[in-house]
Amino acid sequence: MSAHDAPRHPLWPLPLLITLLFVVAAHAAYLLSIHGGHVPACIPYLDGCVSISRAVRYGWGNHLFQLLVIPCAVLHALVWWLAMRWLRGGRAMLVLGVLSAIALAVYATFLGIEGEAYRFLRRYGVVVYFGFGYLAQLALMRRASLTKALAAGVVASMSWISIAMLGLGVANVVVGLVVDEPSAKDRWENVFEWWLGLLMVGWYAVLASGWRRRHVAIALQTDA
């Protein structure tokens, strides 16, 4: 069978699955932690009573989070590899995306384990996942815009999400400088973290929409 005759499989479900897995993992794990009495109940996007890490690090919630997020990290790496093939270039984008995926896997793996070394790995995982993932997203947007690989409206939606994430980062720094009360500072940081996580994975849903509109697919060829 030639490459032209091989069946083509749409790629848009993969980035959409990243969004769904992460959203379900974080919120379902939080509900399990509330049920187990490990964390307080609130609307974290408004009240900031708990961070994502604390919400998902206990009991069955932790097991569920790891069960869903580690495969989600594999999907991250796969999507960035496919994105490079689709755009016919962008090695820096691929490297950043794969490092972000590895950091997410490290974060999920060591979440809930005590010890200074494990705390360092969790902190490393969060910083690298968000930082390198954000840079990879910017690189994809730039290349897709230059090559017209995505519709202008899709790129615009991605850009607004990126601006919002940048704004949250700036706001987090400002709060750290102007808010003195530790509990208030923690609450604001938690609010920013939940929104940042939602925007980060929501960006992949927009990518899924763009791939679906452009009918981006891959042909899987098997040799007889």
Protein backbone atom coordinates (compact mmCIF):
# COMPACT_ATOMS: atom_id res chain seq x y z
CA MET A 1 0.00 0.00 0.00
CA SER A 2 1.40 3.40 -0.94
CA ALA A 3 1.35 6.46 1.29
CA HIS A 4 -1.31 7.98 -0.94
CA ASP A 5 -3.56 4.92 -0.57
CA ALA A 6 -3.10 4.54 3.20
CA PRO A 7 -6.07 5.56 5.35
CA ARG A 8 -5.76 9.00 6.90
CA HIS A 9 -6.54 9.58 10.58
CA PRO A 10 -7.54 13.04 11.86
CA LEU A 11 -5.24 14.52 14.49
CA TRP A 12 -7.59 16.93 16.22
CA PRO A 13 -8.81 14.43 18.89
CA LEU A 14 -5.29 14.23 20.36
CA PRO A 15 -4.89 17.85 21.57
CA LEU A 16 -8.56 17.86 22.62
CA LEU A 17 -7.88 14.77 24.73
CA ILE A 18 -5.03 16.65 26.46
CA THR A 19 -7.51 19.31 27.58
CA LEU A 20 -10.13 16.81 28.72
CA LEU A 21 -7.71 14.54 30.60
CA PHE A 22 -6.09 17.38 32.53
CA VAL A 23 -9.36 19.13 33.39
CA VAL A 24 -11.02 15.91 34.56
CA ALA A 25 -7.91 14.82 36.47
CA ALA A 26 -7.52 18.07 38.41
CA HIS A 27 -11.19 18.58 39.28
CA ALA A 28 -12.09 14.95 39.98
CA ALA A 29 -9.01 14.53 42.17
CA TYR A 30 -9.94 17.70 44.06
CA LEU A 31 -13.45 16.37 44.70
CA LEU A 32 -12.00 13.08 45.99
CA SER A 33 -9.65 15.01 48.30
CA ILE A 34 -12.60 17.03 49.64
CA HIS A 35 -14.57 13.82 50.20
CA GLY A 36 -11.60 12.33 52.06
CA GLY A 37 -11.35 15.38 54.31
CA HIS A 38 -7.86 16.28 53.10
CA VAL A 39 -8.59 19.78 51.77
CA PRO A 40 -11.27 22.47 52.25
CA ALA A 41 -14.10 22.85 49.77
CA CYS A 42 -14.32 26.05 47.76
CA ILE A 43 -14.35 27.41 44.21
CA PRO A 44 -10.57 27.59 43.73
CA TYR A 45 -10.82 29.88 40.70
CA LEU A 46 -12.40 32.51 42.95
CA ASP A 47 -11.49 31.66 46.55
CA GLY A 48 -8.01 30.18 46.12
CA CYS A 49 -8.38 28.04 49.23
CA VAL A 50 -6.10 25.36 47.83
CA SER A 51 -3.42 25.02 45.14
CA ILE A 52 -3.64 22.43 42.38
CA SER A 53 -0.75 20.50 43.91
CA ARG A 54 -2.37 20.32 47.33
CA ALA A 55 -5.79 19.52 45.85
CA VAL A 56 -4.53 16.42 44.03
CA ARG A 57 -1.79 15.03 46.25
CA TYR A 58 -3.80 12.98 48.76
CA GLY A 59 -5.35 9.53 48.78
CA TRP A 60 -7.45 8.35 45.87
CA GLY A 61 -7.33 11.80 44.33
CA ASN A 62 -3.58 11.48 43.94
CA HIS A 63 -3.89 8.04 42.32
CA LEU A 64 -6.52 9.29 39.88
CA PHE A 65 -4.46 12.36 39.01
CA GLN A 66 -1.38 10.29 38.24
CA LEU A 67 -3.42 7.73 36.29
CA LEU A 68 -4.75 10.43 33.96
CA VAL A 69 -1.93 13.00 33.83
CA ILE A 70 1.01 10.72 33.06
CA PRO A 71 -0.68 9.49 29.82
CA CYS A 72 -1.59 13.14 29.23
CA ALA A 73 2.12 13.98 29.32
CA VAL A 74 2.78 11.33 26.67
CA LEU A 75 0.06 12.91 24.54
CA HIS A 76 1.78 16.29 24.95
CA ALA A 77 5.01 14.92 23.48
CA LEU A 78 3.15 13.17 20.65
CA VAL A 79 1.22 16.32 19.71
CA TRP A 80 4.42 18.39 19.54
CA TRP A 81 6.09 15.77 17.32
CA LEU A 82 3.06 15.72 15.04
CA ALA A 83 2.99 19.53 15.01
CA MET A 84 6.58 19.63 13.75
CA ARG A 85 5.71 17.15 10.99
CA TRP A 86 2.61 19.14 10.10
CA LEU A 87 4.48 22.46 9.93
CA ARG A 88 7.48 20.84 8.20
CA GLY A 89 9.91 22.32 10.66
CA GLY A 90 10.29 23.79 14.12
CA ARG A 91 12.88 21.72 15.97
CA ALA A 92 13.14 24.27 18.77
CA MET A 93 9.38 24.08 19.20
CA LEU A 94 9.57 20.28 19.41
CA VAL A 95 12.39 20.35 21.99
CA LEU A 96 10.53 22.85 24.18
CA GLY A 97 7.29 20.90 23.89
CA VAL A 98 8.88 17.55 24.71
CA LEU A 99 10.78 18.99 27.70
CA SER A 100 7.50 20.46 28.92
CA ALA A 101 5.86 17.03 28.58
CA ILE A 102 8.68 15.34 30.50
CA ALA A 103 8.37 17.95 33.25
CA LEU A 104 4.63 17.27 33.54
CA ALA A 105 5.33 13.54 33.89
CA VAL A 106 7.96 14.23 36.56
CA TYR A 107 5.55 16.50 38.44
CA ALA A 108 2.73 13.93 38.41
CA THR A 109 5.05 11.06 39.34
CA PHE A 110 6.49 12.70 42.46
CA LEU A 111 3.33 14.44 43.61
CA GLY A 112 2.41 13.24 47.09
CA ILE A 113 5.91 11.96 47.94
CA GLU A 114 7.63 13.72 50.82
CA GLY A 115 11.27 14.81 51.05
CA GLU A 116 13.33 17.79 49.94
CA ALA A 117 14.52 16.09 46.74
CA TYR A 118 10.94 15.26 45.77
CA ARG A 119 9.78 18.79 46.53
CA PHE A 120 12.53 20.10 44.26
CA LEU A 121 11.42 17.76 41.45
CA ARG A 122 7.81 18.90 41.83
CA ARG A 123 8.81 22.57 41.71
CA TYR A 124 11.04 21.88 38.70
CA GLY A 125 8.19 20.07 37.01
CA VAL A 126 5.73 22.95 37.45
CA VAL A 127 8.14 25.67 36.31
CA VAL A 128 9.43 23.79 33.27
CA TYR A 129 5.99 22.54 32.24
CA PHE A 130 4.45 25.99 32.19
CA GLY A 131 7.54 27.88 31.00
CA PHE A 132 8.69 25.61 28.19
CA GLY A 133 5.13 24.73 27.23
CA TYR A 134 4.29 28.42 26.87
CA LEU A 135 7.34 29.03 24.68
CA ALA A 136 6.49 26.01 22.50
CA GLN A 137 2.96 27.37 22.05
CA LEU A 138 4.33 30.75 20.98
CA ALA A 139 6.66 29.04 18.49
CA LEU A 140 3.79 27.06 16.96
CA MET A 141 1.61 30.15 16.68
CA ARG A 142 4.36 32.10 14.94
CA ARG A 143 5.14 29.35 12.43
CA ALA A 144 1.47 28.57 11.77
CA SER A 145 0.76 32.27 11.22
CA LEU A 146 3.67 32.74 8.81
CA THR A 147 2.78 29.65 6.78
CA LYS A 148 -1.01 30.22 6.97
CA ALA A 149 -1.32 26.70 8.33
CA LEU A 150 -4.13 27.77 10.68
CA ALA A 151 -7.05 30.10 10.13
CA ALA A 152 -6.46 33.66 11.32
CA GLY A 153 -9.31 33.37 13.83
CA VAL A 154 -7.74 30.29 15.42
CA VAL A 155 -4.35 32.00 15.75
CA ALA A 156 -6.11 35.04 17.25
CA SER A 157 -7.83 32.85 19.86
CA MET A 158 -4.51 31.23 20.74
CA SER A 159 -2.94 34.68 21.03
CA TRP A 160 -5.59 35.90 23.46
CA ILE A 161 -5.02 32.83 25.62
CA SER A 162 -1.27 33.49 25.57
CA ILE A 163 -1.81 37.15 26.52
CA ALA A 164 -4.06 36.07 29.39
CA MET A 165 -1.39 33.64 30.65
CA LEU A 166 1.25 36.36 30.46
CA GLY A 167 -1.07 38.70 32.36
CA LEU A 168 -1.54 36.12 35.11
CA GLY A 169 2.20 35.73 35.41
CA VAL A 170 2.69 39.48 35.75
CA ALA A 171 -0.18 39.71 38.24
CA ASN A 172 1.39 36.95 40.32
CA VAL A 173 4.66 38.89 40.52
CA VAL A 174 2.82 42.09 41.46
CA VAL A 175 0.87 40.34 44.22
CA GLY A 176 4.11 38.93 45.58
CA LEU A 177 5.49 42.46 45.83
CA VAL A 178 2.50 44.37 47.19
CA VAL A 179 0.65 41.86 49.40
CA ASP A 180 2.28 41.35 52.78
CA GLU A 181 -0.12 38.96 54.50
CA PRO A 182 1.06 35.39 53.78
CA SER A 183 -2.45 33.87 53.73
CA ALA A 184 -3.76 36.48 51.29
CA LYS A 185 -0.69 36.05 49.09
CA ASP A 186 -1.19 32.26 49.04
CA ARG A 187 -4.83 32.64 48.05
CA TRP A 188 -4.01 34.94 45.16
CA GLU A 189 -1.24 32.62 43.97
CA ASN A 190 -3.64 29.67 44.11
CA VAL A 191 -6.25 31.55 42.07
CA PHE A 192 -3.66 32.44 39.47
CA GLU A 193 -2.39 28.84 39.36
CA TRP A 194 -5.84 27.35 38.67
CA TRP A 195 -6.57 29.85 35.91
CA LEU A 196 -3.10 29.41 34.40
CA GLY A 197 -3.52 25.65 34.31
CA LEU A 198 -6.94 25.96 32.69
CA LEU A 199 -5.65 28.37 30.04
CA MET A 200 -2.56 26.27 29.34
CA VAL A 201 -4.56 23.13 28.52
CA GLY A 202 -7.41 25.14 26.97
CA TRP A 203 -4.93 26.28 24.32
CA TYR A 204 -4.75 22.68 23.11
CA ALA A 205 -8.53 22.65 22.62
CA VAL A 206 -8.13 25.63 20.29
CA LEU A 207 -5.38 23.78 18.42
CA ALA A 208 -7.77 20.84 18.08
CA SER A 209 -10.36 23.18 16.58
CA GLY A 210 -7.79 24.53 14.13
CA TRP A 211 -6.68 21.06 13.07
CA ARG A 212 -10.28 19.96 12.63
CA ARG A 213 -11.11 22.96 10.44
CA ARG A 214 -8.07 22.33 8.24
CA HIS A 215 -8.66 18.54 8.17
CA VAL A 216 -5.13 17.85 9.44
CA ALA A 217 -4.56 14.09 9.32
CA ILE A 218 -1.81 11.50 9.21
CA ALA A 219 -1.53 8.49 6.92
CA LEU A 220 -0.38 5.31 8.64
CA GLN A 221 1.34 3.04 6.15
CA THR A 222 1.96 -0.64 6.80
CA ASP A 223 4.19 -2.86 4.68
CA ALA A 224 2.70 -6.08 3.38
